[in-house]
Amino acid sequence: MRDFVGDFLREAMPPDYSLHGPELDRLSIYVHWLMLILFVGWGILFVYMLVRFRASKHPKAVYHGTKSHISKYAEIGVFVIECLLLFGISIPAWSRWTTRPDNDKNALEIRVVGEQFAWNIHYPGADHIFGKTNVKYVTSNNPLGLDPTDPNAKDDIATINQLHLELNRAVLIRLTSKDVIHDFFLPYMRVKQDAIPGMEIPVHFTPTHTSGTETWDIACAQLCGLGHFRMRGQYHVETKQEFDKWMATQTPAVASISE
């Protein structure tokens, strides 16, 4: 039997280029199948009731109710299916998605800080250690508040609205916000997470497809002010050679701070 619901959703949704994406899409398909079955079933029941118990056929009301157990069995069936979706698929999948990549997987760690109305991207540099940040250092050319006196910050790289990722390499994004709640949304990666001031929320995924010559958008999916419509960044998924080449061309953020 052809999966009409699944085919429709796959056509309606953006392409999936992440390792965890297929499982998430399957769950969405199962839920929509259940919704369709319930919609059709309750619709048929409603029409049946209108015809079966019309006033011309039953001019006098009957108050003892139905004596059939079909509705009870149907409710039990729906409950069992919902339990399977929740406990059999959703919770195990959520557990895997919230478990951070092991250290031996060499995950690419990045800080992403939302603000009105841009995405600040922070790479730790060659030493793989993020430099310290402090609000007192925040300026127009240091939006992250990077501490220029911290030795670990000397090789850190900062960009605005430009995120570069490596193909088939796990990514761990430390997500937060400087001002209001934003929402970090990468449709092709099946990633959507609120960025909340005062909280650092880990988000991880693994890209499985290069962006090539395309430009993929980082969207803000949370209304965050009058400029919300223009809070849009770009991200690129590259091979290891391309990613290393891009990193080598970047000027450390501390150098631009001192200018």
C-alpha atoms as a PDB file:
ATOM      1  CA  MET A   1       0.000   0.000   0.000  1.00  0.00           C
ATOM      2  CA  ARG A   2       1.385   3.338  -1.022  1.00  0.00           C
ATOM      3  CA  ASP A   3       2.013   5.787   1.825  1.00  0.00           C
ATOM      4  CA  PHE A   4      -0.043   8.753   0.561  1.00  0.00           C
ATOM      5  CA  VAL A   5       0.275  10.700   3.809  1.00  0.00           C
ATOM      6  CA  GLY A   6       4.015  10.100   3.958  1.00  0.00           C
ATOM      7  CA  ASP A   7       4.491  11.094   0.305  1.00  0.00           C
ATOM      8  CA  PHE A   8       2.440  14.256   0.824  1.00  0.00           C
ATOM      9  CA  LEU A   9       4.402  15.276   3.930  1.00  0.00           C
ATOM     10  CA  ARG A  10       7.739  14.591   2.272  1.00  0.00           C
ATOM     11  CA  GLU A  11       6.726  16.856  -0.615  1.00  0.00           C
ATOM     12  CA  ALA A  12       5.395  19.536   1.743  1.00  0.00           C
ATOM     13  CA  MET A  13       8.381  19.574   4.111  1.00  0.00           C
ATOM     14  CA  PRO A  14      11.850  20.927   3.270  1.00  0.00           C
ATOM     15  CA  PRO A  15      14.554  18.368   2.433  1.00  0.00           C
ATOM     16  CA  ASP A  16      16.117  16.511   5.334  1.00  0.00           C
ATOM     17  CA  TYR A  17      19.910  16.635   5.500  1.00  0.00           C
ATOM     18  CA  SER A  18      20.575  15.540   9.101  1.00  0.00           C
ATOM     19  CA  LEU A  19      21.326  12.189  10.699  1.00  0.00           C
ATOM     20  CA  HIS A  20      18.388  12.314  13.124  1.00  0.00           C
ATOM     21  CA  GLY A  21      15.957  13.797  10.594  1.00  0.00           C
ATOM     22  CA  PRO A  22      14.465  10.584   9.102  1.00  0.00           C
ATOM     23  CA  GLU A  23      13.363   9.347  12.528  1.00  0.00           C
ATOM     24  CA  LEU A  24      11.740  12.690  13.274  1.00  0.00           C
ATOM     25  CA  ASP A  25       9.994  12.713   9.906  1.00  0.00           C
ATOM     26  CA  ARG A  26       8.704   9.160  10.415  1.00  0.00           C
ATOM     27  CA  LEU A  27       7.198  10.168  13.755  1.00  0.00           C
ATOM     28  CA  SER A  28       5.477  13.099  12.065  1.00  0.00           C
ATOM     29  CA  ILE A  29       4.095  10.752   9.388  1.00  0.00           C
ATOM     30  CA  TYR A  30       2.747   8.305  11.995  1.00  0.00           C
ATOM     31  CA  VAL A  31       1.049  11.120  13.921  1.00  0.00           C
ATOM     32  CA  HIS A  32      -0.554  12.477  10.748  1.00  0.00           C
ATOM     33  CA  TRP A  33      -1.775   8.996   9.795  1.00  0.00           C
ATOM     34  CA  LEU A  34      -3.448   8.742  13.204  1.00  0.00           C
ATOM     35  CA  MET A  35      -4.987  12.182  12.765  1.00  0.00           C
ATOM     36  CA  LEU A  36      -6.307  11.235   9.322  1.00  0.00           C
ATOM     37  CA  ILE A  37      -7.830   7.965  10.598  1.00  0.00           C
ATOM     38  CA  LEU A  38      -9.492   9.785  13.499  1.00  0.00           C
ATOM     39  CA  PHE A  39     -10.773  12.530  11.199  1.00  0.00           C
ATOM     40  CA  VAL A  40     -12.305  10.066   8.752  1.00  0.00           C
ATOM     41  CA  GLY A  41     -13.629   7.769  11.496  1.00  0.00           C
ATOM     42  CA  TRP A  42     -15.301  10.502  13.536  1.00  0.00           C
ATOM     43  CA  GLY A  43     -16.650  12.086  10.336  1.00  0.00           C
ATOM     44  CA  ILE A  44     -18.294   8.821   9.285  1.00  0.00           C
ATOM     45  CA  LEU A  45     -19.687   8.359  12.800  1.00  0.00           C
ATOM     46  CA  PHE A  46     -21.090  11.894  12.804  1.00  0.00           C
ATOM     47  CA  VAL A  47     -22.869  11.375   9.461  1.00  0.00           C
ATOM     48  CA  TYR A  48     -24.174   7.992  10.663  1.00  0.00           C
ATOM     49  CA  MET A  49     -25.576   9.574  13.814  1.00  0.00           C
ATOM     50  CA  LEU A  50     -27.310  12.317  11.841  1.00  0.00           C
ATOM     51  CA  VAL A  51     -29.020   9.762   9.623  1.00  0.00           C
ATOM     52  CA  ARG A  52     -29.616   6.987  12.165  1.00  0.00           C
ATOM     53  CA  PHE A  53     -31.095   9.208  14.862  1.00  0.00           C
ATOM     54  CA  ARG A  54     -32.829  11.869  12.767  1.00  0.00           C
ATOM     55  CA  ALA A  55     -35.965  13.454  14.229  1.00  0.00           C
ATOM     56  CA  SER A  56     -38.287  11.996  11.594  1.00  0.00           C
ATOM     57  CA  LYS A  57     -37.194   8.494  12.540  1.00  0.00           C
ATOM     58  CA  HIS A  58     -37.092   9.058  16.311  1.00  0.00           C
ATOM     59  CA  PRO A  59     -39.525  11.840  17.235  1.00  0.00           C
ATOM     60  CA  LYS A  60     -39.254  10.886  20.897  1.00  0.00           C
ATOM     61  CA  ALA A  61     -35.958  11.178  22.729  1.00  0.00           C
ATOM     62  CA  VAL A  62     -34.355   8.051  24.226  1.00  0.00           C
ATOM     63  CA  TYR A  63     -32.318   8.628  27.400  1.00  0.00           C
ATOM     64  CA  HIS A  64     -30.791   5.227  28.177  1.00  0.00           C
ATOM     65  CA  GLY A  65     -27.879   5.807  25.756  1.00  0.00           C
ATOM     66  CA  THR A  66     -26.080   3.339  23.536  1.00  0.00           C
ATOM     67  CA  LYS A  67     -25.690  -0.246  24.664  1.00  0.00           C
ATOM     68  CA  SER A  68     -22.870  -1.085  22.257  1.00  0.00           C
ATOM     69  CA  HIS A  69     -19.248  -1.306  23.412  1.00  0.00           C
ATOM     70  CA  ILE A  70     -17.794  -0.295  20.038  1.00  0.00           C
ATOM     71  CA  SER A  71     -17.011   3.251  21.175  1.00  0.00           C
ATOM     72  CA  LYS A  72     -15.184   1.920  24.234  1.00  0.00           C
ATOM     73  CA  TYR A  73     -13.069  -0.405  22.107  1.00  0.00           C
ATOM     74  CA  ALA A  74     -12.312   2.427  19.664  1.00  0.00           C
ATOM     75  CA  GLU A  75     -11.187   4.693  22.522  1.00  0.00           C
ATOM     76  CA  ILE A  76      -8.978   1.929  23.933  1.00  0.00           C
ATOM     77  CA  GLY A  77      -7.481   1.390  20.474  1.00  0.00           C
ATOM     78  CA  VAL A  78      -6.669   5.093  20.081  1.00  0.00           C
ATOM     79  CA  PHE A  79      -5.168   5.148  23.582  1.00  0.00           C
ATOM     80  CA  VAL A  80      -2.931   2.155  22.798  1.00  0.00           C
ATOM     81  CA  ILE A  81      -1.709   3.741  19.539  1.00  0.00           C
ATOM     82  CA  GLU A  82      -0.963   7.032  21.301  1.00  0.00           C
ATOM     83  CA  CYS A  83       0.988   5.145  23.997  1.00  0.00           C
ATOM     84  CA  LEU A  84       3.015   3.378  21.291  1.00  0.00           C
ATOM     85  CA  LEU A  85       3.803   6.704  19.627  1.00  0.00           C
ATOM     86  CA  LEU A  86       4.746   8.310  22.938  1.00  0.00           C
ATOM     87  CA  PHE A  87       6.575   5.540  24.798  1.00  0.00           C
ATOM     88  CA  GLY A  88       7.732   3.446  21.835  1.00  0.00           C
ATOM     89  CA  ILE A  89       9.009   6.215  19.531  1.00  0.00           C
ATOM     90  CA  SER A  90       8.867   9.764  20.938  1.00  0.00           C
ATOM     91  CA  ILE A  91      10.508   9.327  24.350  1.00  0.00           C
ATOM     92  CA  PRO A  92      13.337   7.010  23.148  1.00  0.00           C
ATOM     93  CA  ALA A  93      14.009   9.364  20.222  1.00  0.00           C
ATOM     94  CA  TRP A  94      13.977  12.402  22.499  1.00  0.00           C
ATOM     95  CA  SER A  95      16.398  10.653  24.841  1.00  0.00           C
ATOM     96  CA  ARG A  96      18.836  10.101  21.971  1.00  0.00           C
ATOM     97  CA  TRP A  97      18.502  13.678  20.716  1.00  0.00           C
ATOM     98  CA  THR A  98      19.161  15.164  24.152  1.00  0.00           C
ATOM     99  CA  THR A  99      22.244  12.997  24.801  1.00  0.00           C
ATOM    100  CA  ARG A 100      25.303  15.036  23.882  1.00  0.00           C
ATOM    101  CA  PRO A 101      27.897  13.519  21.527  1.00  0.00           C
ATOM    102  CA  ASP A 102      30.736  11.658  23.228  1.00  0.00           C
ATOM    103  CA  ASN A 103      34.089  13.413  23.466  1.00  0.00           C
ATOM    104  CA  ASP A 104      35.690  10.783  21.248  1.00  0.00           C
ATOM    105  CA  LYS A 105      33.384  11.791  18.375  1.00  0.00           C
ATOM    106  CA  ASN A 106      35.285  15.073  17.972  1.00  0.00           C
ATOM    107  CA  ALA A 107      32.131  17.161  17.863  1.00  0.00           C
ATOM    108  CA  LEU A 108      32.377  20.680  16.482  1.00  0.00           C
ATOM    109  CA  GLU A 109      31.417  22.995  19.363  1.00  0.00           C
ATOM    110  CA  ILE A 110      29.989  26.414  18.527  1.00  0.00           C
ATOM    111  CA  ARG A 111      28.343  29.159  20.567  1.00  0.00           C
ATOM    112  CA  VAL A 112      25.353  30.849  18.943  1.00  0.00           C
ATOM    113  CA  VAL A 113      24.045  33.996  20.619  1.00  0.00           C
ATOM    114  CA  GLY A 114      20.850  35.576  19.341  1.00  0.00           C
ATOM    115  CA  GLU A 115      20.162  39.288  19.620  1.00  0.00           C
ATOM    116  CA  GLN A 116      17.824  41.795  18.029  1.00  0.00           C
ATOM    117  CA  PHE A 117      18.242  41.153  15.128  1.00  0.00           C
ATOM    118  CA  ALA A 118      21.199  38.908  14.297  1.00  0.00           C
ATOM    119  CA  TRP A 119      22.903  35.611  15.090  1.00  0.00           C
ATOM    120  CA  ASN A 120      26.383  35.876  16.625  1.00  0.00           C
ATOM    121  CA  ILE A 121      28.514  32.807  15.908  1.00  0.00           C
ATOM    122  CA  HIS A 122      31.516  31.969  18.129  1.00  0.00           C
ATOM    123  CA  TYR A 123      34.138  29.324  17.279  1.00  0.00           C
ATOM    124  CA  PRO A 124      36.753  28.363  19.914  1.00  0.00           C
ATOM    125  CA  GLY A 125      39.700  28.365  17.511  1.00  0.00           C
ATOM    126  CA  ALA A 126      42.598  25.917  17.251  1.00  0.00           C
ATOM    127  CA  ASP A 127      42.853  25.352  21.012  1.00  0.00           C
ATOM    128  CA  HIS A 128      39.203  24.190  21.136  1.00  0.00           C
ATOM    129  CA  ILE A 129      38.637  26.347  24.244  1.00  0.00           C
ATOM    130  CA  PHE A 130      36.150  29.215  24.242  1.00  0.00           C
ATOM    131  CA  GLY A 131      37.510  32.513  25.502  1.00  0.00           C
ATOM    132  CA  LYS A 132      35.767  34.184  28.412  1.00  0.00           C
ATOM    133  CA  THR A 133      32.988  36.659  27.753  1.00  0.00           C
ATOM    134  CA  ASN A 134      31.694  39.508  29.869  1.00  0.00           C
ATOM    135  CA  VAL A 135      28.913  42.007  29.302  1.00  0.00           C
ATOM    136  CA  LYS A 136      31.257  44.914  30.093  1.00  0.00           C
ATOM    137  CA  TYR A 137      33.228  44.158  26.898  1.00  0.00           C
ATOM    138  CA  VAL A 138      30.174  44.243  24.617  1.00  0.00           C
ATOM    139  CA  THR A 139      30.569  46.869  21.900  1.00  0.00           C
ATOM    140  CA  SER A 140      29.462  47.291  18.300  1.00  0.00           C
ATOM    141  CA  ASN A 141      32.555  45.396  17.078  1.00  0.00           C
ATOM    142  CA  ASN A 142      32.528  42.918  19.967  1.00  0.00           C
ATOM    143  CA  PRO A 143      28.884  41.806  20.167  1.00  0.00           C
ATOM    144  CA  LEU A 144      29.823  38.640  22.068  1.00  0.00           C
ATOM    145  CA  GLY A 145      31.624  40.530  24.819  1.00  0.00           C
ATOM    146  CA  LEU A 146      34.816  38.518  24.274  1.00  0.00           C
ATOM    147  CA  ASP A 147      37.482  39.258  26.891  1.00  0.00           C
ATOM    148  CA  PRO A 148      40.560  40.473  24.942  1.00  0.00           C
ATOM    149  CA  THR A 149      42.828  39.790  27.938  1.00  0.00           C
ATOM    150  CA  ASP A 150      41.942  36.090  28.140  1.00  0.00           C
ATOM    151  CA  PRO A 151      44.670  33.902  26.519  1.00  0.00           C
ATOM    152  CA  ASN A 152      42.046  31.372  25.423  1.00  0.00           C
ATOM    153  CA  ALA A 153      40.297  34.086  23.394  1.00  0.00           C
ATOM    154  CA  LYS A 154      43.322  34.910  21.235  1.00  0.00           C
ATOM    155  CA  ASP A 155      42.426  32.431  18.499  1.00  0.00           C
ATOM    156  CA  ASP A 156      38.624  32.546  18.813  1.00  0.00           C
ATOM    157  CA  ILE A 157      36.674  33.331  15.653  1.00  0.00           C
ATOM    158  CA  ALA A 158      33.432  35.296  15.597  1.00  0.00           C
ATOM    159  CA  THR A 159      31.029  35.892  12.720  1.00  0.00           C
ATOM    160  CA  ILE A 160      27.641  37.506  12.360  1.00  0.00           C
ATOM    161  CA  ASN A 161      24.896  35.540  10.578  1.00  0.00           C
ATOM    162  CA  GLN A 162      27.458  33.187   9.007  1.00  0.00           C
ATOM    163  CA  LEU A 163      27.610  29.600  10.288  1.00  0.00           C
ATOM    164  CA  HIS A 164      29.932  27.013   8.717  1.00  0.00           C
ATOM    165  CA  LEU A 165      29.576  23.299   9.515  1.00  0.00           C
ATOM    166  CA  GLU A 166      31.487  20.181   8.539  1.00  0.00           C
ATOM    167  CA  LEU A 167      29.915  17.297   6.639  1.00  0.00           C
ATOM    168  CA  ASN A 168      29.268  14.123   8.705  1.00  0.00           C
ATOM    169  CA  ARG A 169      30.766  15.720  11.811  1.00  0.00           C
ATOM    170  CA  ALA A 170      28.628  15.999  14.932  1.00  0.00           C
ATOM    171  CA  VAL A 171      27.816  19.609  15.855  1.00  0.00           C
ATOM    172  CA  LEU A 172      27.187  20.786  19.414  1.00  0.00           C
ATOM    173  CA  ILE A 173      25.736  24.283  19.529  1.00  0.00           C
ATOM    174  CA  ARG A 174      25.604  26.176  22.802  1.00  0.00           C
ATOM    175  CA  LEU A 175      22.571  28.363  22.260  1.00  0.00           C
ATOM    176  CA  THR A 176      21.622  31.483  24.199  1.00  0.00           C
ATOM    177  CA  SER A 177      20.331  35.045  23.754  1.00  0.00           C
ATOM    178  CA  LYS A 178      21.477  38.528  24.763  1.00  0.00           C
ATOM    179  CA  ASP A 179      18.095  40.214  25.027  1.00  0.00           C
ATOM    180  CA  VAL A 180      14.740  38.521  24.309  1.00  0.00           C
ATOM    181  CA  ILE A 181      13.636  35.003  23.405  1.00  0.00           C
ATOM    182  CA  HIS A 182      14.594  34.023  19.866  1.00  0.00           C
ATOM    183  CA  ASP A 183      14.201  30.676  18.119  1.00  0.00           C
ATOM    184  CA  PHE A 184      17.115  29.058  16.272  1.00  0.00           C
ATOM    185  CA  PHE A 185      15.585  27.287  13.267  1.00  0.00           C
ATOM    186  CA  LEU A 186      17.452  25.213  10.657  1.00  0.00           C
ATOM    187  CA  PRO A 187      14.721  23.517   8.577  1.00  0.00           C
ATOM    188  CA  TYR A 188      17.100  21.298   6.553  1.00  0.00           C
ATOM    189  CA  MET A 189      18.738  20.036   9.760  1.00  0.00           C
ATOM    190  CA  ARG A 190      15.410  19.484  11.555  1.00  0.00           C
ATOM    191  CA  VAL A 191      16.620  21.785  14.335  1.00  0.00           C
ATOM    192  CA  LYS A 192      14.323  24.240  16.112  1.00  0.00           C
ATOM    193  CA  GLN A 193      15.146  25.469  19.624  1.00  0.00           C
ATOM    194  CA  ASP A 194      14.357  28.586  21.645  1.00  0.00           C
ATOM    195  CA  ALA A 195      17.302  30.805  22.589  1.00  0.00           C
ATOM    196  CA  ILE A 196      16.541  32.100  26.075  1.00  0.00           C
ATOM    197  CA  PRO A 197      18.397  34.896  27.914  1.00  0.00           C
ATOM    198  CA  GLY A 198      20.336  33.606  30.931  1.00  0.00           C
ATOM    199  CA  MET A 199      20.274  29.998  29.721  1.00  0.00           C
ATOM    200  CA  GLU A 200      22.736  28.046  27.587  1.00  0.00           C
ATOM    201  CA  ILE A 201      20.854  25.287  25.794  1.00  0.00           C
ATOM    202  CA  PRO A 202      22.798  22.499  24.015  1.00  0.00           C
ATOM    203  CA  VAL A 203      21.641  21.570  20.520  1.00  0.00           C
ATOM    204  CA  HIS A 204      23.338  18.802  18.568  1.00  0.00           C
ATOM    205  CA  PHE A 205      22.945  17.243  15.135  1.00  0.00           C
ATOM    206  CA  THR A 206      25.046  15.784  12.314  1.00  0.00           C
ATOM    207  CA  PRO A 207      24.816  17.195   8.765  1.00  0.00           C
ATOM    208  CA  THR A 208      24.709  14.521   6.073  1.00  0.00           C
ATOM    209  CA  HIS A 209      24.640  16.654   2.933  1.00  0.00           C
ATOM    210  CA  THR A 210      26.785  19.548   1.729  1.00  0.00           C
ATOM    211  CA  SER A 211      25.117  22.818   0.833  1.00  0.00           C
ATOM    212  CA  GLY A 212      27.261  23.129  -2.305  1.00  0.00           C
ATOM    213  CA  THR A 213      26.558  26.422  -4.049  1.00  0.00           C
ATOM    214  CA  GLU A 214      23.266  26.865  -2.186  1.00  0.00           C
ATOM    215  CA  THR A 215      22.767  29.215   0.747  1.00  0.00           C
ATOM    216  CA  TRP A 216      20.691  27.762   3.556  1.00  0.00           C
ATOM    217  CA  ASP A 217      18.919  30.090   5.941  1.00  0.00           C
ATOM    218  CA  ILE A 218      19.093  30.400   9.707  1.00  0.00           C
ATOM    219  CA  ALA A 219      15.638  31.639  10.644  1.00  0.00           C
ATOM    220  CA  CYS A 220      14.256  33.079  13.857  1.00  0.00           C
ATOM    221  CA  ALA A 221      10.970  31.285  14.504  1.00  0.00           C
ATOM    222  CA  GLN A 222       9.961  33.384  17.513  1.00  0.00           C
ATOM    223  CA  LEU A 223       8.507  36.883  17.196  1.00  0.00           C
ATOM    224  CA  CYS A 224      11.242  38.996  18.783  1.00  0.00           C
ATOM    225  CA  GLY A 225      10.497  42.594  17.862  1.00  0.00           C
ATOM    226  CA  LEU A 226       9.884  44.953  14.959  1.00  0.00           C
ATOM    227  CA  GLY A 227      12.953  43.671  13.083  1.00  0.00           C
ATOM    228  CA  HIS A 228      12.043  40.003  13.460  1.00  0.00           C
ATOM    229  CA  PHE A 229      11.423  39.655   9.721  1.00  0.00           C
ATOM    230  CA  ARG A 230      15.052  40.500   8.903  1.00  0.00           C
ATOM    231  CA  MET A 231      16.692  38.290  11.550  1.00  0.00           C
ATOM    232  CA  ARG A 232      18.035  35.834   9.054  1.00  0.00           C
ATOM    233  CA  GLY A 233      21.469  34.251   8.792  1.00  0.00           C
ATOM    234  CA  GLN A 234      23.079  31.726   6.477  1.00  0.00           C
ATOM    235  CA  TYR A 235      24.772  28.408   7.121  1.00  0.00           C
ATOM    236  CA  HIS A 236      26.955  26.258   4.927  1.00  0.00           C
ATOM    237  CA  VAL A 237      27.783  22.552   5.192  1.00  0.00           C
ATOM    238  CA  GLU A 238      31.180  21.796   3.699  1.00  0.00           C
ATOM    239  CA  THR A 239      33.642  18.957   3.353  1.00  0.00           C
ATOM    240  CA  LYS A 240      36.471  18.802   5.891  1.00  0.00           C
ATOM    241  CA  GLN A 241      38.905  20.314   3.391  1.00  0.00           C
ATOM    242  CA  GLU A 242      36.543  23.191   2.592  1.00  0.00           C
ATOM    243  CA  PHE A 243      35.768  23.799   6.259  1.00  0.00           C
ATOM    244  CA  ASP A 244      39.449  23.819   7.261  1.00  0.00           C
ATOM    245  CA  LYS A 245      40.204  26.214   4.404  1.00  0.00           C
ATOM    246  CA  TRP A 246      37.451  28.579   5.550  1.00  0.00           C
ATOM    247  CA  MET A 247      38.675  28.477   9.148  1.00  0.00           C
ATOM    248  CA  ALA A 248      42.212  29.270   8.000  1.00  0.00           C
ATOM    249  CA  THR A 249      41.009  32.434   6.252  1.00  0.00           C
ATOM    250  CA  GLN A 250      39.256  33.835   9.336  1.00  0.00           C
ATOM    251  CA  THR A 251      40.794  36.614  11.395  1.00  0.00           C
ATOM    252  CA  PRO A 252      40.670  36.051  15.178  1.00  0.00           C
ATOM    253  CA  ALA A 253      37.937  38.110  16.809  1.00  0.00           C
ATOM    254  CA  VAL A 254      40.369  39.753  19.268  1.00  0.00           C
ATOM    255  CA  ALA A 255      42.231  41.348  16.341  1.00  0.00           C
ATOM    256  CA  SER A 256      39.084  43.139  15.156  1.00  0.00           C
ATOM    257  CA  ILE A 257      38.257  44.210  18.723  1.00  0.00           C
ATOM    258  CA  SER A 258      41.560  46.021  19.109  1.00  0.00           C
ATOM    259  CA  GLU A 259      41.220  47.868  15.814  1.00  0.00           C
END
